[in-house]
């Protein structure tokens, strides 16, 4: 049975509650996570959940003075266990720069629809670069 919009929203709910560890319980340890953007300081391919968390969430967390809350703006699912999830961040950097990034994560779920096994993340890489340049 393909994943449903309601299931995707439930999986992403912890991000809306400011609880990334609970969200990452739904991500495979060996996830393939691509962050796009040729000039994106966080861009590249990550082949494990731990690597992705450390080099993206961890690095960004170091420049923010408020906890990041990611609000789900929209979800589109298909019958191949894929979902496109549109997100909006709400956080503030150490220098008071508003970090209101917008994302689209195209997620592939496992056959059971329980774990995210692949993500292509599209985002405002210029804002990421500015936040890191001004706050690291």
C-alpha atoms as a PDB file:
ATOM      1  CA  UNK A   1       0.000   0.000   0.000  1.00  0.00           C
ATOM      2  CA  UNK A   2       1.522   3.365  -0.990  1.00  0.00           C
ATOM      3  CA  UNK A   3       2.259   5.941   1.678  1.00  0.00           C
ATOM      4  CA  UNK A   4      -0.510   8.455   2.314  1.00  0.00           C
ATOM      5  CA  UNK A   5      -0.421  12.187   2.908  1.00  0.00           C
ATOM      6  CA  UNK A   6      -1.640  11.607   6.476  1.00  0.00           C
ATOM      7  CA  UNK A   7       1.244   9.185   7.153  1.00  0.00           C
ATOM      8  CA  UNK A   8       3.789  11.653   5.770  1.00  0.00           C
ATOM      9  CA  UNK A   9       2.378  14.468   7.894  1.00  0.00           C
ATOM     10  CA  UNK A  10       2.593  12.237  10.980  1.00  0.00           C
ATOM     11  CA  UNK A  11       6.236  11.364  10.214  1.00  0.00           C
ATOM     12  CA  UNK A  12       7.111  15.061   9.816  1.00  0.00           C
ATOM     13  CA  UNK A  13       5.109  16.221  12.862  1.00  0.00           C
ATOM     14  CA  UNK A  14       8.129  16.088  15.235  1.00  0.00           C
ATOM     15  CA  UNK A  15       9.909  18.703  13.076  1.00  0.00           C
ATOM     16  CA  UNK A  16       6.929  21.016  13.589  1.00  0.00           C
ATOM     17  CA  UNK A  17       7.238  20.402  17.329  1.00  0.00           C
ATOM     18  CA  UNK A  18      10.967  21.212  17.379  1.00  0.00           C
ATOM     19  CA  UNK A  19      11.928  17.568  17.985  1.00  0.00           C
ATOM     20  CA  UNK A  20      14.296  16.472  15.177  1.00  0.00           C
ATOM     21  CA  UNK A  21      15.470  13.285  16.998  1.00  0.00           C
ATOM     22  CA  UNK A  22      11.907  11.909  16.892  1.00  0.00           C
ATOM     23  CA  UNK A  23      11.680  12.714  13.168  1.00  0.00           C
ATOM     24  CA  UNK A  24      15.008  10.992  12.462  1.00  0.00           C
ATOM     25  CA  UNK A  25      13.692   7.753  13.988  1.00  0.00           C
ATOM     26  CA  UNK A  26      11.759   7.518  10.695  1.00  0.00           C
ATOM     27  CA  UNK A  27      14.899   7.894   8.559  1.00  0.00           C
ATOM     28  CA  UNK A  28      16.961   4.845   7.562  1.00  0.00           C
ATOM     29  CA  UNK A  29      20.469   4.721   9.031  1.00  0.00           C
ATOM     30  CA  UNK A  30      21.891   4.327   5.511  1.00  0.00           C
ATOM     31  CA  UNK A  31      19.728   7.043   3.932  1.00  0.00           C
ATOM     32  CA  UNK A  32      20.956   8.650   0.716  1.00  0.00           C
ATOM     33  CA  UNK A  33      20.372  12.371   1.282  1.00  0.00           C
ATOM     34  CA  UNK A  34      21.327  14.885  -1.388  1.00  0.00           C
ATOM     35  CA  UNK A  35      21.349  18.580  -0.534  1.00  0.00           C
ATOM     36  CA  UNK A  36      21.269  20.521  -3.795  1.00  0.00           C
ATOM     37  CA  UNK A  37      23.011  23.719  -4.792  1.00  0.00           C
ATOM     38  CA  UNK A  38      26.395  24.130  -6.428  1.00  0.00           C
ATOM     39  CA  UNK A  39      27.241  27.075  -4.150  1.00  0.00           C
ATOM     40  CA  UNK A  40      25.516  25.612  -1.090  1.00  0.00           C
ATOM     41  CA  UNK A  41      27.998  25.152   1.789  1.00  0.00           C
ATOM     42  CA  UNK A  42      25.894  22.211   2.983  1.00  0.00           C
ATOM     43  CA  UNK A  43      25.427  20.789  -0.521  1.00  0.00           C
ATOM     44  CA  UNK A  44      26.435  17.276  -1.413  1.00  0.00           C
ATOM     45  CA  UNK A  45      25.545  13.633  -0.996  1.00  0.00           C
ATOM     46  CA  UNK A  46      25.255  12.136   2.473  1.00  0.00           C
ATOM     47  CA  UNK A  47      25.109   8.344   2.736  1.00  0.00           C
ATOM     48  CA  UNK A  48      24.157   7.967   6.374  1.00  0.00           C
ATOM     49  CA  UNK A  49      21.729   9.554   8.774  1.00  0.00           C
ATOM     50  CA  UNK A  50      24.540  10.339  11.234  1.00  0.00           C
ATOM     51  CA  UNK A  51      26.645  12.095   8.579  1.00  0.00           C
ATOM     52  CA  UNK A  52      23.696  14.155   7.359  1.00  0.00           C
ATOM     53  CA  UNK A  53      22.647  15.162  10.873  1.00  0.00           C
ATOM     54  CA  UNK A  54      26.148  16.192  11.914  1.00  0.00           C
ATOM     55  CA  UNK A  55      27.061  18.129   8.769  1.00  0.00           C
ATOM     56  CA  UNK A  56      23.741  19.883   8.168  1.00  0.00           C
ATOM     57  CA  UNK A  57      21.463  20.068  11.216  1.00  0.00           C
ATOM     58  CA  UNK A  58      24.488  20.147  13.534  1.00  0.00           C
ATOM     59  CA  UNK A  59      26.321  22.826  11.590  1.00  0.00           C
ATOM     60  CA  UNK A  60      23.252  25.034  11.220  1.00  0.00           C
ATOM     61  CA  UNK A  61      22.394  24.536  14.879  1.00  0.00           C
ATOM     62  CA  UNK A  62      25.740  26.087  15.746  1.00  0.00           C
ATOM     63  CA  UNK A  63      24.835  29.418  14.127  1.00  0.00           C
ATOM     64  CA  UNK A  64      21.281  29.723  15.418  1.00  0.00           C
ATOM     65  CA  UNK A  65      20.251  31.274  18.697  1.00  0.00           C
ATOM     66  CA  UNK A  66      16.737  29.853  18.529  1.00  0.00           C
ATOM     67  CA  UNK A  67      15.560  26.315  17.949  1.00  0.00           C
ATOM     68  CA  UNK A  68      14.547  25.628  14.358  1.00  0.00           C
ATOM     69  CA  UNK A  69      10.923  24.740  13.817  1.00  0.00           C
ATOM     70  CA  UNK A  70      10.048  23.354  10.392  1.00  0.00           C
ATOM     71  CA  UNK A  71       6.404  23.787   9.417  1.00  0.00           C
ATOM     72  CA  UNK A  72       4.942  21.491   6.776  1.00  0.00           C
ATOM     73  CA  UNK A  73       3.389  23.715   4.124  1.00  0.00           C
ATOM     74  CA  UNK A  74       2.324  21.014   1.684  1.00  0.00           C
ATOM     75  CA  UNK A  75       2.595  17.314   0.867  1.00  0.00           C
ATOM     76  CA  UNK A  76       2.206  15.540  -2.470  1.00  0.00           C
ATOM     77  CA  UNK A  77       2.359  11.729  -2.584  1.00  0.00           C
ATOM     78  CA  UNK A  78       2.377   9.211  -5.412  1.00  0.00           C
ATOM     79  CA  UNK A  79       1.796   5.473  -5.694  1.00  0.00           C
ATOM     80  CA  UNK A  80       5.547   4.706  -5.680  1.00  0.00           C
ATOM     81  CA  UNK A  81       6.017   5.477  -1.962  1.00  0.00           C
ATOM     82  CA  UNK A  82       7.359   8.926  -2.722  1.00  0.00           C
ATOM     83  CA  UNK A  83       6.397  12.252  -1.207  1.00  0.00           C
ATOM     84  CA  UNK A  84       7.324  15.845  -1.951  1.00  0.00           C
ATOM     85  CA  UNK A  85       7.213  17.758   1.321  1.00  0.00           C
ATOM     86  CA  UNK A  86       7.312  21.550   1.320  1.00  0.00           C
ATOM     87  CA  UNK A  87       8.675  23.030   4.556  1.00  0.00           C
ATOM     88  CA  UNK A  88       9.296  26.484   5.985  1.00  0.00           C
ATOM     89  CA  UNK A  89      11.874  27.148   8.707  1.00  0.00           C
ATOM     90  CA  UNK A  90      11.439  29.600  11.527  1.00  0.00           C
ATOM     91  CA  UNK A  91      14.642  30.443  13.422  1.00  0.00           C
ATOM     92  CA  UNK A  92      16.990  33.313  14.217  1.00  0.00           C
ATOM     93  CA  UNK A  93      20.760  33.353  13.775  1.00  0.00           C
ATOM     94  CA  UNK A  94      23.176  34.540  16.455  1.00  0.00           C
ATOM     95  CA  UNK A  95      23.486  37.894  14.640  1.00  0.00           C
ATOM     96  CA  UNK A  96      19.658  38.284  14.547  1.00  0.00           C
ATOM     97  CA  UNK A  97      19.414  37.300  10.859  1.00  0.00           C
ATOM     98  CA  UNK A  98      16.007  35.725  10.332  1.00  0.00           C
ATOM     99  CA  UNK A  99      16.512  32.186   9.078  1.00  0.00           C
ATOM    100  CA  UNK A 100      13.182  31.740   7.290  1.00  0.00           C
ATOM    101  CA  UNK A 101      14.358  29.168   4.779  1.00  0.00           C
ATOM    102  CA  UNK A 102      11.997  27.287   2.493  1.00  0.00           C
ATOM    103  CA  UNK A 103      12.544  23.674   1.495  1.00  0.00           C
ATOM    104  CA  UNK A 104      11.193  20.954  -0.707  1.00  0.00           C
ATOM    105  CA  UNK A 105      12.280  17.470   0.316  1.00  0.00           C
ATOM    106  CA  UNK A 106      11.501  14.773  -2.241  1.00  0.00           C
ATOM    107  CA  UNK A 107      11.431  11.609  -0.139  1.00  0.00           C
ATOM    108  CA  UNK A 108      11.480   7.944  -1.101  1.00  0.00           C
ATOM    109  CA  UNK A 109      10.082   5.604   1.539  1.00  0.00           C
ATOM    110  CA  UNK A 110      10.872   1.914   1.976  1.00  0.00           C
ATOM    111  CA  UNK A 111       8.408  -0.707   0.727  1.00  0.00           C
ATOM    112  CA  UNK A 112       6.523  -0.666   4.027  1.00  0.00           C
ATOM    113  CA  UNK A 113       6.263   3.138   3.977  1.00  0.00           C
ATOM    114  CA  UNK A 114       7.864   3.408   7.404  1.00  0.00           C
ATOM    115  CA  UNK A 115      11.383   4.712   6.789  1.00  0.00           C
ATOM    116  CA  UNK A 116      12.739   7.423   4.524  1.00  0.00           C
ATOM    117  CA  UNK A 117      15.521   5.870   2.437  1.00  0.00           C
ATOM    118  CA  UNK A 118      16.322   8.691  -0.014  1.00  0.00           C
ATOM    119  CA  UNK A 119      15.883  12.465  -0.012  1.00  0.00           C
ATOM    120  CA  UNK A 120      16.590  15.219  -2.509  1.00  0.00           C
ATOM    121  CA  UNK A 121      16.504  18.512  -0.614  1.00  0.00           C
ATOM    122  CA  UNK A 122      15.960  21.806  -2.426  1.00  0.00           C
ATOM    123  CA  UNK A 123      16.389  25.039  -0.447  1.00  0.00           C
ATOM    124  CA  UNK A 124      17.511  28.661  -0.380  1.00  0.00           C
ATOM    125  CA  UNK A 125      21.247  28.007  -0.470  1.00  0.00           C
ATOM    126  CA  UNK A 126      22.060  31.744  -0.546  1.00  0.00           C
ATOM    127  CA  UNK A 127      20.406  32.133   2.858  1.00  0.00           C
ATOM    128  CA  UNK A 128      22.323  29.131   4.218  1.00  0.00           C
ATOM    129  CA  UNK A 129      25.600  30.612   2.962  1.00  0.00           C
ATOM    130  CA  UNK A 130      24.797  34.017   4.475  1.00  0.00           C
ATOM    131  CA  UNK A 131      23.848  32.476   7.834  1.00  0.00           C
ATOM    132  CA  UNK A 132      27.035  30.413   8.000  1.00  0.00           C
ATOM    133  CA  UNK A 133      29.338  33.178   6.699  1.00  0.00           C
ATOM    134  CA  UNK A 134      28.038  35.700   9.219  1.00  0.00           C
ATOM    135  CA  UNK A 135      27.738  33.422  12.252  1.00  0.00           C
ATOM    136  CA  UNK A 136      30.445  30.730  12.191  1.00  0.00           C
END
